[in-house]
Amino acid sequence: PAGSVVRSPAGSTDAEASTLPMNGLTARLALD
């Protein structure tokens, strides 16, 4: 789904970018 995809962070490698979505969103949801 298009809603699940965004640009990778500026200055990141693909490997670095892949570490963010699931854990980052889980952390954001926990705080919310």
PDB file of all heavy atoms in Angstrom:
ATOM      1  N   PRO A   1       0.842  -1.200   0.000  1.00  0.00           N
ATOM      2  CA  PRO A   1       0.000   0.000   0.000  1.00  0.00           C
ATOM      3  C   PRO A   1       0.873   1.244   0.000  1.00  0.00           C
ATOM      4  O   PRO A   1       1.906   1.291   0.686  1.00  0.00           O
ATOM      5  CB  PRO A   1      -0.785  -0.121   1.314  1.00  0.00           C
ATOM      6  CG  PRO A   1      -0.674  -1.553   1.728  1.00  0.00           C
ATOM      7  CD  PRO A   1       0.627  -2.050   1.193  1.00  0.00           C
ATOM      8  N   ALA A   2       0.472   2.262  -0.737  1.00  0.00           N
ATOM      9  CA  ALA A   2       1.290   3.472  -0.822  1.00  0.00           C
ATOM     10  C   ALA A   2       1.505   4.100   0.551  1.00  0.00           C
ATOM     11  O   ALA A   2       2.533   4.731   0.797  1.00  0.00           O
ATOM     12  CB  ALA A   2       0.628   4.477  -1.766  1.00  0.00           C
ATOM     13  N   GLY A   3       0.553   3.906   1.460  1.00  0.00           N
ATOM     14  CA  GLY A   3       0.682   4.466   2.796  1.00  0.00           C
ATOM     15  C   GLY A   3       1.762   3.840   3.639  1.00  0.00           C
ATOM     16  O   GLY A   3       2.114   4.363   4.696  1.00  0.00           O
ATOM     17  N   SER A   4       2.297   2.699   3.187  1.00  0.00           N
ATOM     18  CA  SER A   4       3.344   2.002   3.933  1.00  0.00           C
ATOM     19  C   SER A   4       4.747   2.360   3.462  1.00  0.00           C
ATOM     20  O   SER A   4       5.729   1.817   3.977  1.00  0.00           O
ATOM     21  CB  SER A   4       3.161   0.480   3.808  1.00  0.00           C
ATOM     22  OG  SER A   4       1.926   0.066   4.339  1.00  0.00           O
ATOM     23  N   VAL A   5       4.857   3.259   2.485  1.00  0.00           N
ATOM     24  CA  VAL A   5       6.134   3.532   1.820  1.00  0.00           C
ATOM     25  C   VAL A   5       6.425   5.026   1.820  1.00  0.00           C
ATOM     26  O   VAL A   5       5.565   5.834   1.444  1.00  0.00           O
ATOM     27  CB  VAL A   5       6.113   3.004   0.368  1.00  0.00           C
ATOM     28  CG1 VAL A   5       7.477   3.188  -0.286  1.00  0.00           C
ATOM     29  CG2 VAL A   5       5.679   1.552   0.317  1.00  0.00           C
ATOM     30  N   VAL A   6       7.630   5.388   2.233  1.00  0.00           N
ATOM     31  CA  VAL A   6       8.074   6.782   2.164  1.00  0.00           C
ATOM     32  C   VAL A   6       9.513   6.809   1.668  1.00  0.00           C
ATOM     33  O   VAL A   6      10.166   5.774   1.564  1.00  0.00           O
ATOM     34  CB  VAL A   6       7.994   7.497   3.533  1.00  0.00           C
ATOM     35  CG1 VAL A   6       6.570   7.493   4.068  1.00  0.00           C
ATOM     36  CG2 VAL A   6       8.949   6.880   4.541  1.00  0.00           C
ATOM     37  N   ARG A   7      10.001   7.995   1.383  1.00  0.00           N
ATOM     38  CA  ARG A   7      11.398   8.121   0.990  1.00  0.00           C
ATOM     39  C   ARG A   7      12.310   7.702   2.148  1.00  0.00           C
ATOM     40  O   ARG A   7      11.942   7.812   3.315  1.00  0.00           O
ATOM     41  CB  ARG A   7      11.719   9.558   0.588  1.00  0.00           C
ATOM     42  CG  ARG A   7      11.096   9.964  -0.748  1.00  0.00           C
ATOM     43  CD  ARG A   7      11.507  11.373  -1.150  1.00  0.00           C
ATOM     44  NE  ARG A   7      10.934  11.706  -2.458  1.00  0.00           N
ATOM     45  CZ  ARG A   7       9.717  12.202  -2.624  1.00  0.00           C
ATOM     46  NH1 ARG A   7       8.944  12.425  -1.576  1.00  0.00           N
ATOM     47  NH2 ARG A   7       9.264  12.462  -3.837  1.00  0.00           N
ATOM     48  N   SER A   8      13.494   7.257   1.803  1.00  0.00           N
ATOM     49  CA  SER A   8      14.480   6.921   2.819  1.00  0.00           C
ATOM     50  C   SER A   8      15.042   8.201   3.430  1.00  0.00           C
ATOM     51  O   SER A   8      15.076   9.253   2.786  1.00  0.00           O
ATOM     52  CB  SER A   8      15.608   6.097   2.197  1.00  0.00           C
ATOM     53  OG  SER A   8      15.133   4.843   1.769  1.00  0.00           O
ATOM     54  N   PRO A   9      15.499   8.129   4.682  1.00  0.00           N
ATOM     55  CA  PRO A   9      16.058   9.332   5.326  1.00  0.00           C
ATOM     56  C   PRO A   9      17.258   9.884   4.573  1.00  0.00           C
ATOM     57  O   PRO A   9      18.062   9.142   4.011  1.00  0.00           O
ATOM     58  CB  PRO A   9      16.473   8.818   6.708  1.00  0.00           C
ATOM     59  CG  PRO A   9      15.613   7.627   6.953  1.00  0.00           C
ATOM     60  CD  PRO A   9      15.441   6.984   5.609  1.00  0.00           C
ATOM     61  N   ALA A  10      17.368  11.195   4.576  1.00  0.00           N
ATOM     62  CA  ALA A  10      18.497  11.852   3.920  1.00  0.00           C
ATOM     63  C   ALA A  10      19.805  11.345   4.515  1.00  0.00           C
ATOM     64  O   ALA A  10      19.955  11.222   5.732  1.00  0.00           O
ATOM     65  CB  ALA A  10      18.397  13.363   4.105  1.00  0.00           C
ATOM     66  N   GLY A  11      20.741  11.012   3.632  1.00  0.00           N
ATOM     67  CA  GLY A  11      22.062  10.597   4.067  1.00  0.00           C
ATOM     68  C   GLY A  11      22.189   9.160   4.517  1.00  0.00           C
ATOM     69  O   GLY A  11      23.267   8.731   4.911  1.00  0.00           O
ATOM     70  N   SER A  12      21.093   8.391   4.441  1.00  0.00           N
ATOM     71  CA  SER A  12      21.137   7.002   4.902  1.00  0.00           C
ATOM     72  C   SER A  12      21.467   6.057   3.757  1.00  0.00           C
ATOM     73  O   SER A  12      21.167   6.323   2.596  1.00  0.00           O
ATOM     74  CB  SER A  12      19.789   6.593   5.503  1.00  0.00           C
ATOM     75  OG  SER A  12      18.775   6.533   4.499  1.00  0.00           O
ATOM     76  N   THR A  13      22.074   4.930   4.108  1.00  0.00           N
ATOM     77  CA  THR A  13      22.203   3.833   3.154  1.00  0.00           C
ATOM     78  C   THR A  13      20.904   3.034   3.172  1.00  0.00           C
ATOM     79  O   THR A  13      20.065   3.191   4.072  1.00  0.00           O
ATOM     80  CB  THR A  13      23.364   2.902   3.552  1.00  0.00           C
ATOM     81  OG1 THR A  13      23.044   2.279   4.812  1.00  0.00           O
ATOM     82  CG2 THR A  13      24.669   3.677   3.694  1.00  0.00           C
ATOM     83  N   ASP A  14      20.737   2.143   2.197  1.00  0.00           N
ATOM     84  CA  ASP A  14      19.536   1.310   2.199  1.00  0.00           C
ATOM     85  C   ASP A  14      19.502   0.416   3.436  1.00  0.00           C
ATOM     86  O   ASP A  14      18.433   0.204   4.030  1.00  0.00           O
ATOM     87  CB  ASP A  14      19.484   0.453   0.926  1.00  0.00           C
ATOM     88  CG  ASP A  14      19.155   1.274  -0.313  1.00  0.00           C
ATOM     89  OD1 ASP A  14      18.824   2.468  -0.176  1.00  0.00           O
ATOM     90  OD2 ASP A  14      19.241   0.715  -1.428  1.00  0.00           O
ATOM     91  N   ALA A  15      20.653  -0.111   3.840  1.00  0.00           N
ATOM     92  CA  ALA A  15      20.700  -0.950   5.037  1.00  0.00           C
ATOM     93  C   ALA A  15      20.250  -0.153   6.257  1.00  0.00           C
ATOM     94  O   ALA A  15      19.461  -0.639   7.088  1.00  0.00           O
ATOM     95  CB  ALA A  15      22.095  -1.507   5.249  1.00  0.00           C
ATOM     96  N   GLU A  16      20.736   1.058   6.395  1.00  0.00           N
ATOM     97  CA  GLU A  16      20.329   1.895   7.528  1.00  0.00           C
ATOM     98  C   GLU A  16      18.843   2.210   7.478  1.00  0.00           C
ATOM     99  O   GLU A  16      18.140   2.129   8.501  1.00  0.00           O
ATOM    100  CB  GLU A  16      21.146   3.183   7.533  1.00  0.00           C
ATOM    101  CG  GLU A  16      22.606   2.978   7.913  1.00  0.00           C
ATOM    102  CD  GLU A  16      23.455   4.202   7.661  1.00  0.00           C
ATOM    103  OE1 GLU A  16      23.072   5.056   6.826  1.00  0.00           O
ATOM    104  OE2 GLU A  16      24.523   4.308   8.293  1.00  0.00           O
ATOM    105  N   ALA A  17      18.343   2.560   6.301  1.00  0.00           N
ATOM    106  CA  ALA A  17      16.921   2.893   6.176  1.00  0.00           C
ATOM    107  C   ALA A  17      16.027   1.722   6.555  1.00  0.00           C
ATOM    108  O   ALA A  17      14.945   1.900   7.134  1.00  0.00           O
ATOM    109  CB  ALA A  17      16.622   3.348   4.751  1.00  0.00           C
ATOM    110  N   SER A  18      16.477   0.510   6.262  1.00  0.00           N
ATOM    111  CA  SER A  18      15.648  -0.668   6.537  1.00  0.00           C
ATOM    112  C   SER A  18      15.487  -0.931   8.031  1.00  0.00           C
ATOM    113  O   SER A  18      14.614  -1.698   8.430  1.00  0.00           O
ATOM    114  CB  SER A  18      16.241  -1.913   5.865  1.00  0.00           C
ATOM    115  OG  SER A  18      17.375  -2.395   6.563  1.00  0.00           O
ATOM    116  N   THR A  19      16.301  -0.304   8.870  1.00  0.00           N
ATOM    117  CA  THR A  19      16.198  -0.542  10.311  1.00  0.00           C
ATOM    118  C   THR A  19      15.115   0.295  10.979  1.00  0.00           C
ATOM    119  O   THR A  19      14.807   0.076  12.150  1.00  0.00           O
ATOM    120  CB  THR A  19      17.529  -0.227  11.023  1.00  0.00           C
ATOM    121  OG1 THR A  19      17.780   1.189  10.966  1.00  0.00           O
ATOM    122  CG2 THR A  19      18.687  -0.969  10.385  1.00  0.00           C
ATOM    123  N   LEU A  20      14.536   1.242  10.259  1.00  0.00           N
ATOM    124  CA  LEU A  20      13.656   2.220  10.902  1.00  0.00           C
ATOM    125  C   LEU A  20      12.168   1.892  10.907  1.00  0.00           C
ATOM    126  O   LEU A  20      11.510   2.086  11.936  1.00  0.00           O
ATOM    127  CB  LEU A  20      13.884   3.590  10.257  1.00  0.00           C
ATOM    128  CG  LEU A  20      13.038   4.750  10.792  1.00  0.00           C
ATOM    129  CD1 LEU A  20      13.248   4.938  12.285  1.00  0.00           C
ATOM    130  CD2 LEU A  20      13.375   6.043  10.038  1.00  0.00           C
ATOM    131  N   PRO A  21      11.558   1.432   9.811  1.00  0.00           N
ATOM    132  CA  PRO A  21      10.085   1.435   9.751  1.00  0.00           C
ATOM    133  C   PRO A  21       9.365   0.676  10.861  1.00  0.00           C
ATOM    134  O   PRO A  21       8.532   1.259  11.579  1.00  0.00           O
ATOM    135  CB  PRO A  21       9.800   0.833   8.369  1.00  0.00           C
ATOM    136  CG  PRO A  21      11.000   1.188   7.558  1.00  0.00           C
ATOM    137  CD  PRO A  21      12.147   1.064   8.507  1.00  0.00           C
ATOM    138  N   MET A  22       9.621  -0.607  11.038  1.00  0.00           N
ATOM    139  CA  MET A  22       8.826  -1.392  11.985  1.00  0.00           C
ATOM    140  C   MET A  22       9.094  -0.979  13.421  1.00  0.00           C
ATOM    141  O   MET A  22       8.165  -0.669  14.178  1.00  0.00           O
ATOM    142  CB  MET A  22       9.083  -2.879  11.787  1.00  0.00           C
ATOM    143  CG  MET A  22       8.172  -3.779  12.608  1.00  0.00           C
ATOM    144  SD  MET A  22       8.849  -4.191  14.229  1.00  0.00           S
ATOM    145  CE  MET A  22      10.142  -5.351  13.765  1.00  0.00           C
ATOM    146  N   ASN A  23      10.371  -0.959  13.834  1.00  0.00           N
ATOM    147  CA  ASN A  23      10.669  -0.581  15.211  1.00  0.00           C
ATOM    148  C   ASN A  23      10.346   0.885  15.480  1.00  0.00           C
ATOM    149  O   ASN A  23       9.871   1.230  16.567  1.00  0.00           O
ATOM    150  CB  ASN A  23      12.127  -0.866  15.545  1.00  0.00           C
ATOM    151  CG  ASN A  23      12.394  -2.328  15.811  1.00  0.00           C
ATOM    152  OD1 ASN A  23      13.298  -2.917  15.242  1.00  0.00           O
ATOM    153  ND2 ASN A  23      11.609  -2.950  16.675  1.00  0.00           N
ATOM    154  N   GLY A  24      10.613   1.741  14.511  1.00  0.00           N
ATOM    155  CA  GLY A  24      10.316   3.156  14.696  1.00  0.00           C
ATOM    156  C   GLY A  24       8.823   3.407  14.854  1.00  0.00           C
ATOM    157  O   GLY A  24       8.391   4.156  15.737  1.00  0.00           O
ATOM    158  N   LEU A  25       8.019   2.776  14.007  1.00  0.00           N
ATOM    159  CA  LEU A  25       6.566   2.941  14.116  1.00  0.00           C
ATOM    160  C   LEU A  25       6.025   2.315  15.395  1.00  0.00           C
ATOM    161  O   LEU A  25       5.084   2.840  16.003  1.00  0.00           O
ATOM    162  CB  LEU A  25       5.871   2.330  12.901  1.00  0.00           C
ATOM    163  CG  LEU A  25       5.928   3.147  11.616  1.00  0.00           C
ATOM    164  CD1 LEU A  25       5.359   2.344  10.449  1.00  0.00           C
ATOM    165  CD2 LEU A  25       5.161   4.464  11.757  1.00  0.00           C
ATOM    166  N   THR A  26       6.594   1.189  15.813  1.00  0.00           N
ATOM    167  CA  THR A  26       6.153   0.574  17.062  1.00  0.00           C
ATOM    168  C   THR A  26       6.452   1.495  18.240  1.00  0.00           C
ATOM    169  O   THR A  26       5.619   1.668  19.143  1.00  0.00           O
ATOM    170  CB  THR A  26       6.824  -0.790  17.272  1.00  0.00           C
ATOM    171  OG1 THR A  26       6.630  -1.608  16.120  1.00  0.00           O
ATOM    172  CG2 THR A  26       6.226  -1.507  18.476  1.00  0.00           C
ATOM    173  N   ALA A  27       7.632   2.100  18.232  1.00  0.00           N
ATOM    174  CA  ALA A  27       7.986   3.048  19.285  1.00  0.00           C
ATOM    175  C   ALA A  27       7.060   4.256  19.270  1.00  0.00           C
ATOM    176  O   ALA A  27       6.590   4.722  20.320  1.00  0.00           O
ATOM    177  CB  ALA A  27       9.447   3.480  19.126  1.00  0.00           C
ATOM    178  N   ARG A  28       6.788   4.766  18.085  1.00  0.00           N
ATOM    179  CA  ARG A  28       5.888   5.919  17.971  1.00  0.00           C
ATOM    180  C   ARG A  28       4.481   5.578  18.464  1.00  0.00           C
ATOM    181  O   ARG A  28       3.848   6.355  19.196  1.00  0.00           O
ATOM    182  CB  ARG A  28       5.844   6.370  16.506  1.00  0.00           C
ATOM    183  CG  ARG A  28       4.993   7.607  16.220  1.00  0.00           C
ATOM    184  CD  ARG A  28       5.582   8.854  16.816  1.00  0.00           C
ATOM    185  NE  ARG A  28       5.024   9.149  18.127  1.00  0.00           N
ATOM    186  CZ  ARG A  28       5.591   9.989  18.987  1.00  0.00           C
ATOM    187  NH1 ARG A  28       6.719  10.596  18.682  1.00  0.00           N
ATOM    188  NH2 ARG A  28       5.039  10.217  20.158  1.00  0.00           N
ATOM    189  N   LEU A  29       3.999   4.403  18.088  1.00  0.00           N
ATOM    190  CA  LEU A  29       2.679   3.970  18.526  1.00  0.00           C
ATOM    191  C   LEU A  29       2.643   3.801  20.041  1.00  0.00           C
ATOM    192  O   LEU A  29       1.662   4.189  20.692  1.00  0.00           O
ATOM    193  CB  LEU A  29       2.302   2.662  17.828  1.00  0.00           C
ATOM    194  CG  LEU A  29       0.975   2.020  18.232  1.00  0.00           C
ATOM    195  CD1 LEU A  29      -0.195   2.965  18.011  1.00  0.00           C
ATOM    196  CD2 LEU A  29       0.753   0.711  17.461  1.00  0.00           C
ATOM    197  N   ALA A  30       3.688   3.223  20.631  1.00  0.00           N
ATOM    198  CA  ALA A  30       3.733   3.037  22.076  1.00  0.00           C
ATOM    199  C   ALA A  30       3.590   4.370  22.801  1.00  0.00           C
ATOM    200  O   ALA A  30       2.810   4.499  23.758  1.00  0.00           O
ATOM    201  CB  ALA A  30       5.035   2.349  22.475  1.00  0.00           C
ATOM    202  N   LEU A  31       4.323   5.366  22.343  1.00  0.00           N
ATOM    203  CA  LEU A  31       4.230   6.683  22.969  1.00  0.00           C
ATOM    204  C   LEU A  31       2.879   7.329  22.730  1.00  0.00           C
ATOM    205  O   LEU A  31       2.301   7.954  23.631  1.00  0.00           O
ATOM    206  CB  LEU A  31       5.355   7.576  22.461  1.00  0.00           C
ATOM    207  CG  LEU A  31       6.753   7.199  22.962  1.00  0.00           C
ATOM    208  CD1 LEU A  31       7.831   7.889  22.143  1.00  0.00           C
ATOM    209  CD2 LEU A  31       6.908   7.538  24.447  1.00  0.00           C
ATOM    210  N   ASP A  32       2.339   7.173  21.545  1.00  0.00           N
ATOM    211  CA  ASP A  32       1.027   7.749  21.252  1.00  0.00           C
ATOM    212  C   ASP A  32      -0.057   7.115  22.111  1.00  0.00           C
ATOM    213  O   ASP A  32      -0.967   7.802  22.601  1.00  0.00           O
ATOM    214  CB  ASP A  32       0.690   7.580  19.770  1.00  0.00           C
ATOM    215  CG  ASP A  32       1.548   8.442  18.856  1.00  0.00           C
ATOM    216  OD1 ASP A  32       2.273   9.322  19.375  1.00  0.00           O
ATOM    217  OD2 ASP A  32       1.505   8.227  17.627  1.00  0.00           O
TER     218      ASP A  32
END
